[in-house]
C-alpha atoms as a PDB file:
ATOM      1  CA  UNK A   1      26.080  -2.281  -6.318  1.00  0.00           C
ATOM      2  CA  UNK A   2      23.506  -5.283  -5.672  1.00  0.00           C
ATOM      3  CA  UNK A   3      22.900  -5.952  -2.074  1.00  0.00           C
ATOM      4  CA  UNK A   4      24.233  -9.237  -0.734  1.00  0.00           C
ATOM      5  CA  UNK A   5      21.503 -12.010   0.201  1.00  0.00           C
ATOM      6  CA  UNK A   6      21.457 -11.030   3.568  1.00  0.00           C
ATOM      7  CA  UNK A   7      20.590  -7.744   2.400  1.00  0.00           C
ATOM      8  CA  UNK A   8      17.945  -8.367   0.221  1.00  0.00           C
ATOM      9  CA  UNK A   9      15.828 -10.484   2.861  1.00  0.00           C
ATOM     10  CA  UNK A  10      16.153  -7.597   5.439  1.00  0.00           C
ATOM     11  CA  UNK A  11      14.970  -5.173   2.942  1.00  0.00           C
ATOM     12  CA  UNK A  12      12.101  -7.626   1.371  1.00  0.00           C
ATOM     13  CA  UNK A  13      10.911  -7.968   5.027  1.00  0.00           C
ATOM     14  CA  UNK A  14       9.820  -4.361   4.789  1.00  0.00           C
ATOM     15  CA  UNK A  15       6.489  -3.399   5.999  1.00  0.00           C
ATOM     16  CA  UNK A  16       3.892  -4.136   2.563  1.00  0.00           C
ATOM     17  CA  UNK A  17       0.694  -3.969   2.794  1.00  0.00           C
ATOM     18  CA  UNK A  18      -1.289  -6.304   1.011  1.00  0.00           C
ATOM     19  CA  UNK A  19      -4.655  -8.301   1.846  1.00  0.00           C
ATOM     20  CA  UNK A  20      -5.214 -10.498   3.184  1.00  0.00           C
ATOM     21  CA  UNK A  21      -5.347  -8.015   5.730  1.00  0.00           C
ATOM     22  CA  UNK A  22      -9.116  -7.369   6.154  1.00  0.00           C
ATOM     23  CA  UNK A  23     -10.187  -4.060   7.827  1.00  0.00           C
ATOM     24  CA  UNK A  24     -13.776  -4.349   9.708  1.00  0.00           C
ATOM     25  CA  UNK A  25     -15.837  -1.539   8.913  1.00  0.00           C
ATOM     26  CA  UNK A  26     -19.211  -0.874   9.972  1.00  0.00           C
ATOM     27  CA  UNK A  27     -21.685   0.631   7.368  1.00  0.00           C
ATOM     28  CA  UNK A  28     -25.349   1.763   8.947  1.00  0.00           C
ATOM     29  CA  UNK A  29     -27.782   1.364   6.212  1.00  0.00           C
ATOM     30  CA  UNK A  30     -29.723   4.804   5.355  1.00  0.00           C
ATOM     31  CA  UNK A  31     -32.280   3.808   7.478  1.00  0.00           C
ATOM     32  CA  UNK A  32     -33.758   0.567   9.453  1.00  0.00           C
ATOM     33  CA  UNK A  33     -34.480  -2.496   7.392  1.00  0.00           C
ATOM     34  CA  UNK A  34     -32.808  -1.269   4.669  1.00  0.00           C
ATOM     35  CA  UNK A  35     -31.788  -3.347   1.818  1.00  0.00           C
ATOM     36  CA  UNK A  36     -28.996  -1.710   0.420  1.00  0.00           C
ATOM     37  CA  UNK A  37     -25.652  -0.172   1.544  1.00  0.00           C
ATOM     38  CA  UNK A  38     -25.181   3.200   1.928  1.00  0.00           C
ATOM     39  CA  UNK A  39     -22.747   3.661  -0.967  1.00  0.00           C
ATOM     40  CA  UNK A  40     -21.525   7.227   0.148  1.00  0.00           C
ATOM     41  CA  UNK A  41     -20.874   5.665   3.733  1.00  0.00           C
ATOM     42  CA  UNK A  42     -19.221   2.776   2.150  1.00  0.00           C
ATOM     43  CA  UNK A  43     -16.803   4.816   0.302  1.00  0.00           C
ATOM     44  CA  UNK A  44     -16.280   7.044   2.954  1.00  0.00           C
ATOM     45  CA  UNK A  45     -15.185   3.665   5.435  1.00  0.00           C
ATOM     46  CA  UNK A  46     -12.982   1.907   2.634  1.00  0.00           C
ATOM     47  CA  UNK A  47     -10.564   5.054   2.166  1.00  0.00           C
ATOM     48  CA  UNK A  48     -10.728   5.935   6.032  1.00  0.00           C
ATOM     49  CA  UNK A  49     -10.226   1.977   6.864  1.00  0.00           C
ATOM     50  CA  UNK A  50      -7.998   0.435   4.110  1.00  0.00           C
ATOM     51  CA  UNK A  51      -4.762   2.816   4.371  1.00  0.00           C
ATOM     52  CA  UNK A  52      -5.470   4.875   7.247  1.00  0.00           C
ATOM     53  CA  UNK A  53      -1.821   6.315   7.646  1.00  0.00           C
ATOM     54  CA  UNK A  54      -2.131   7.498   3.686  1.00  0.00           C
ATOM     55  CA  UNK A  55      -5.550   9.549   3.582  1.00  0.00           C
ATOM     56  CA  UNK A  56      -6.160  10.642   0.184  1.00  0.00           C
ATOM     57  CA  UNK A  57      -3.983   8.107  -1.480  1.00  0.00           C
ATOM     58  CA  UNK A  58      -6.846   6.183  -2.833  1.00  0.00           C
ATOM     59  CA  UNK A  59      -7.833   8.235  -5.916  1.00  0.00           C
ATOM     60  CA  UNK A  60     -11.299   7.405  -8.233  1.00  0.00           C
ATOM     61  CA  UNK A  61     -12.746   5.174  -5.570  1.00  0.00           C
ATOM     62  CA  UNK A  62     -15.789   3.125  -6.850  1.00  0.00           C
ATOM     63  CA  UNK A  63     -17.910   0.688  -5.843  1.00  0.00           C
ATOM     64  CA  UNK A  64     -20.839  -1.110  -7.771  1.00  0.00           C
ATOM     65  CA  UNK A  65     -24.294   0.156  -6.729  1.00  0.00           C
ATOM     66  CA  UNK A  66     -26.259  -0.941  -5.395  1.00  0.00           C
ATOM     67  CA  UNK A  67     -25.264  -3.204  -2.951  1.00  0.00           C
ATOM     68  CA  UNK A  68     -27.680  -5.203  -1.082  1.00  0.00           C
ATOM     69  CA  UNK A  69     -27.923  -6.140   2.684  1.00  0.00           C
ATOM     70  CA  UNK A  70     -26.918  -9.555   3.391  1.00  0.00           C
ATOM     71  CA  UNK A  71     -24.638 -12.249   5.071  1.00  0.00           C
ATOM     72  CA  UNK A  72     -21.724 -13.088   2.367  1.00  0.00           C
ATOM     73  CA  UNK A  73     -23.078 -10.416  -0.371  1.00  0.00           C
ATOM     74  CA  UNK A  74     -19.645  -9.217  -1.732  1.00  0.00           C
ATOM     75  CA  UNK A  75     -18.235  -6.644  -4.198  1.00  0.00           C
ATOM     76  CA  UNK A  76     -15.071  -5.916  -6.051  1.00  0.00           C
ATOM     77  CA  UNK A  77     -14.614  -2.002  -5.664  1.00  0.00           C
ATOM     78  CA  UNK A  78     -11.788  -0.032  -7.612  1.00  0.00           C
ATOM     79  CA  UNK A  79      -9.207   2.422  -6.945  1.00  0.00           C
ATOM     80  CA  UNK A  80      -6.182   3.836  -8.142  1.00  0.00           C
ATOM     81  CA  UNK A  81      -2.581   4.362  -6.325  1.00  0.00           C
ATOM     82  CA  UNK A  82      -0.660   6.765  -8.228  1.00  0.00           C
ATOM     83  CA  UNK A  83      -2.184   6.029 -11.303  1.00  0.00           C
ATOM     84  CA  UNK A  84      -2.351   2.607 -10.490  1.00  0.00           C
ATOM     85  CA  UNK A  85      -5.484   0.420 -10.787  1.00  0.00           C
ATOM     86  CA  UNK A  86      -6.275  -1.778  -7.372  1.00  0.00           C
ATOM     87  CA  UNK A  87      -8.807  -3.646  -6.684  1.00  0.00           C
ATOM     88  CA  UNK A  88     -10.739  -3.969  -3.310  1.00  0.00           C
ATOM     89  CA  UNK A  89     -12.754  -6.960  -2.184  1.00  0.00           C
ATOM     90  CA  UNK A  90     -15.936  -5.958  -0.262  1.00  0.00           C
ATOM     91  CA  UNK A  91     -17.726  -8.984   1.629  1.00  0.00           C
ATOM     92  CA  UNK A  92     -20.534  -8.097   4.305  1.00  0.00           C
ATOM     93  CA  UNK A  93     -20.285 -10.319   7.193  1.00  0.00           C
ATOM     94  CA  UNK A  94     -23.479  -9.619   8.431  1.00  0.00           C
ATOM     95  CA  UNK A  95     -27.043  -8.481   7.857  1.00  0.00           C
ATOM     96  CA  UNK A  96     -26.326  -4.998   9.233  1.00  0.00           C
ATOM     97  CA  UNK A  97     -24.015  -3.627   6.907  1.00  0.00           C
ATOM     98  CA  UNK A  98     -20.645  -4.666   8.530  1.00  0.00           C
ATOM     99  CA  UNK A  99     -18.022  -5.682   5.694  1.00  0.00           C
ATOM    100  CA  UNK A 100     -14.324  -6.732   5.471  1.00  0.00           C
ATOM    101  CA  UNK A 101     -12.397  -4.846   2.789  1.00  0.00           C
ATOM    102  CA  UNK A 102      -9.396  -6.229   1.311  1.00  0.00           C
ATOM    103  CA  UNK A 103      -6.846  -4.507  -0.939  1.00  0.00           C
ATOM    104  CA  UNK A 104      -6.064  -6.836  -4.002  1.00  0.00           C
ATOM    105  CA  UNK A 105      -2.782  -5.807  -4.526  1.00  0.00           C
ATOM    106  CA  UNK A 106       0.550  -5.607  -3.215  1.00  0.00           C
ATOM    107  CA  UNK A 107       1.827  -2.413  -1.989  1.00  0.00           C
ATOM    108  CA  UNK A 108       5.340  -1.484  -1.753  1.00  0.00           C
ATOM    109  CA  UNK A 109       6.324   1.104   1.416  1.00  0.00           C
ATOM    110  CA  UNK A 110       8.749   3.471  -0.298  1.00  0.00           C
ATOM    111  CA  UNK A 111       9.176   5.136   3.174  1.00  0.00           C
ATOM    112  CA  UNK A 112      10.181   2.257   4.916  1.00  0.00           C
ATOM    113  CA  UNK A 113      12.435   1.582   2.224  1.00  0.00           C
ATOM    114  CA  UNK A 114      14.218   5.109   1.993  1.00  0.00           C
ATOM    115  CA  UNK A 115      14.532   4.441   6.751  1.00  0.00           C
ATOM    116  CA  UNK A 116      16.271   1.205   6.177  1.00  0.00           C
ATOM    117  CA  UNK A 117      18.396   2.387   3.126  1.00  0.00           C
ATOM    118  CA  UNK A 118      19.391   5.300   5.310  1.00  0.00           C
ATOM    119  CA  UNK A 119      20.674   2.968   8.205  1.00  0.00           C
ATOM    120  CA  UNK A 120      22.674   0.617   5.849  1.00  0.00           C
ATOM    121  CA  UNK A 121      23.996   3.627   4.441  1.00  0.00           C
ATOM    122  CA  UNK A 122      25.219   4.980   8.035  1.00  0.00           C
ATOM    123  CA  UNK A 123      26.185   1.514   9.083  1.00  0.00           C
ATOM    124  CA  UNK A 124      28.583   0.756   5.991  1.00  0.00           C
ATOM    125  CA  UNK A 125      29.657   4.686   5.961  1.00  0.00           C
ATOM    126  CA  UNK A 126      29.601   5.317   9.614  1.00  0.00           C
ATOM    127  CA  UNK A 127      28.046   8.605   8.778  1.00  0.00           C
ATOM    128  CA  UNK A 128      24.760   9.771   9.548  1.00  0.00           C
ATOM    129  CA  UNK A 129      22.636   9.474   6.072  1.00  0.00           C
ATOM    130  CA  UNK A 130      19.024  10.476   4.927  1.00  0.00           C
ATOM    131  CA  UNK A 131      17.738   8.646   1.704  1.00  0.00           C
ATOM    132  CA  UNK A 132      14.736  10.119  -0.435  1.00  0.00           C
ATOM    133  CA  UNK A 133      12.979   7.585  -2.572  1.00  0.00           C
ATOM    134  CA  UNK A 134      10.425  10.355  -3.857  1.00  0.00           C
ATOM    135  CA  UNK A 135       6.330  10.134  -3.551  1.00  0.00           C
ATOM    136  CA  UNK A 136       4.033   8.850  -3.225  1.00  0.00           C
ATOM    137  CA  UNK A 137       4.839   6.676   0.009  1.00  0.00           C
ATOM    138  CA  UNK A 138       3.438   3.508  -1.221  1.00  0.00           C
ATOM    139  CA  UNK A 139       3.305   2.154  -4.627  1.00  0.00           C
ATOM    140  CA  UNK A 140       1.942  -0.651  -6.875  1.00  0.00           C
ATOM    141  CA  UNK A 141       4.654  -3.347  -6.935  1.00  0.00           C
ATOM    142  CA  UNK A 142       5.345  -4.148 -10.259  1.00  0.00           C
ATOM    143  CA  UNK A 143       8.480  -6.711 -11.189  1.00  0.00           C
ATOM    144  CA  UNK A 144      10.998  -4.820 -12.705  1.00  0.00           C
ATOM    145  CA  UNK A 145       9.893  -1.062 -11.538  1.00  0.00           C
ATOM    146  CA  UNK A 146      12.838   0.765 -10.636  1.00  0.00           C
ATOM    147  CA  UNK A 147      12.820   3.521  -8.036  1.00  0.00           C
ATOM    148  CA  UNK A 148      15.912   6.106  -7.930  1.00  0.00           C
ATOM    149  CA  UNK A 149      16.415   7.449  -4.432  1.00  0.00           C
ATOM    150  CA  UNK A 150      18.820  10.040  -3.199  1.00  0.00           C
ATOM    151  CA  UNK A 151      21.126   9.338  -0.597  1.00  0.00           C
ATOM    152  CA  UNK A 152      22.498  12.051   1.295  1.00  0.00           C
ATOM    153  CA  UNK A 153      25.406  12.425   3.933  1.00  0.00           C
ATOM    154  CA  UNK A 154      25.673  15.930   4.261  1.00  0.00           C
ATOM    155  CA  UNK A 155      28.864  15.748   2.359  1.00  0.00           C
ATOM    156  CA  UNK A 156      27.504  14.504  -1.288  1.00  0.00           C
ATOM    157  CA  UNK A 157      24.317  12.594  -2.769  1.00  0.00           C
ATOM    158  CA  UNK A 158      24.491   9.526  -4.086  1.00  0.00           C
ATOM    159  CA  UNK A 159      21.825   7.927  -6.656  1.00  0.00           C
ATOM    160  CA  UNK A 160      20.480   4.608  -5.286  1.00  0.00           C
ATOM    161  CA  UNK A 161      18.184   2.711  -7.730  1.00  0.00           C
ATOM    162  CA  UNK A 162      16.230  -0.385  -6.162  1.00  0.00           C
ATOM    163  CA  UNK A 163      14.502  -2.120  -8.703  1.00  0.00           C
ATOM    164  CA  UNK A 164      11.494  -4.794  -7.568  1.00  0.00           C
ATOM    165  CA  UNK A 165      12.255  -8.377  -8.388  1.00  0.00           C
ATOM    166  CA  UNK A 166       9.250 -10.381  -7.216  1.00  0.00           C
ATOM    167  CA  UNK A 167       5.573  -9.951  -6.664  1.00  0.00           C
ATOM    168  CA  UNK A 168       6.643  -9.843  -2.896  1.00  0.00           C
ATOM    169  CA  UNK A 169       8.539  -6.264  -3.494  1.00  0.00           C
ATOM    170  CA  UNK A 170      11.835  -7.907  -2.783  1.00  0.00           C
ATOM    171  CA  UNK A 171      14.116  -5.649  -4.289  1.00  0.00           C
ATOM    172  CA  UNK A 172      17.745  -5.129  -5.541  1.00  0.00           C
ATOM    173  CA  UNK A 173      19.903  -2.093  -5.100  1.00  0.00           C
ATOM    174  CA  UNK A 174      22.438  -0.885  -7.530  1.00  0.00           C
ATOM    175  CA  UNK A 175      24.527   2.799  -7.967  1.00  0.00           C
ATOM    176  CA  UNK A 176      23.690   4.037 -11.631  1.00  0.00           C
END
């Protein structure tokens, strides 16, 4: 069952997480007049601020060290989400350690997609339907990636597949 163009547009409009949504973090250098950003504070701030709704989703977060304090000095930090590598660009906005962090990859919001599918099934079938597309709640968008979901209306379960069709995270639906 492939969705109509209207359905694909609606579903593609799901909330996706992607830069350049920059998050302002203030990092205090270890002491007044410090010349390097405290890397422990930087990592803690990135984890807390880049994906605040999903603590612990960023795995193996690391940034190059040392990072000198100064306006316009940046660095590329790396992490993983469900085993997929992601980059986070960090840029200092002042000479006191305030930085912006910009996640470079587009993330697909699995929870929002499941909620939209549940609404669609309820509308089409006239029965409340719960949809579960598994974990993790966010995944790095890859064209051709397929998510297998289960739609449960209380009487029966239906398998539904979401296949990502472009870099923005738009997808098509099918019943396997």
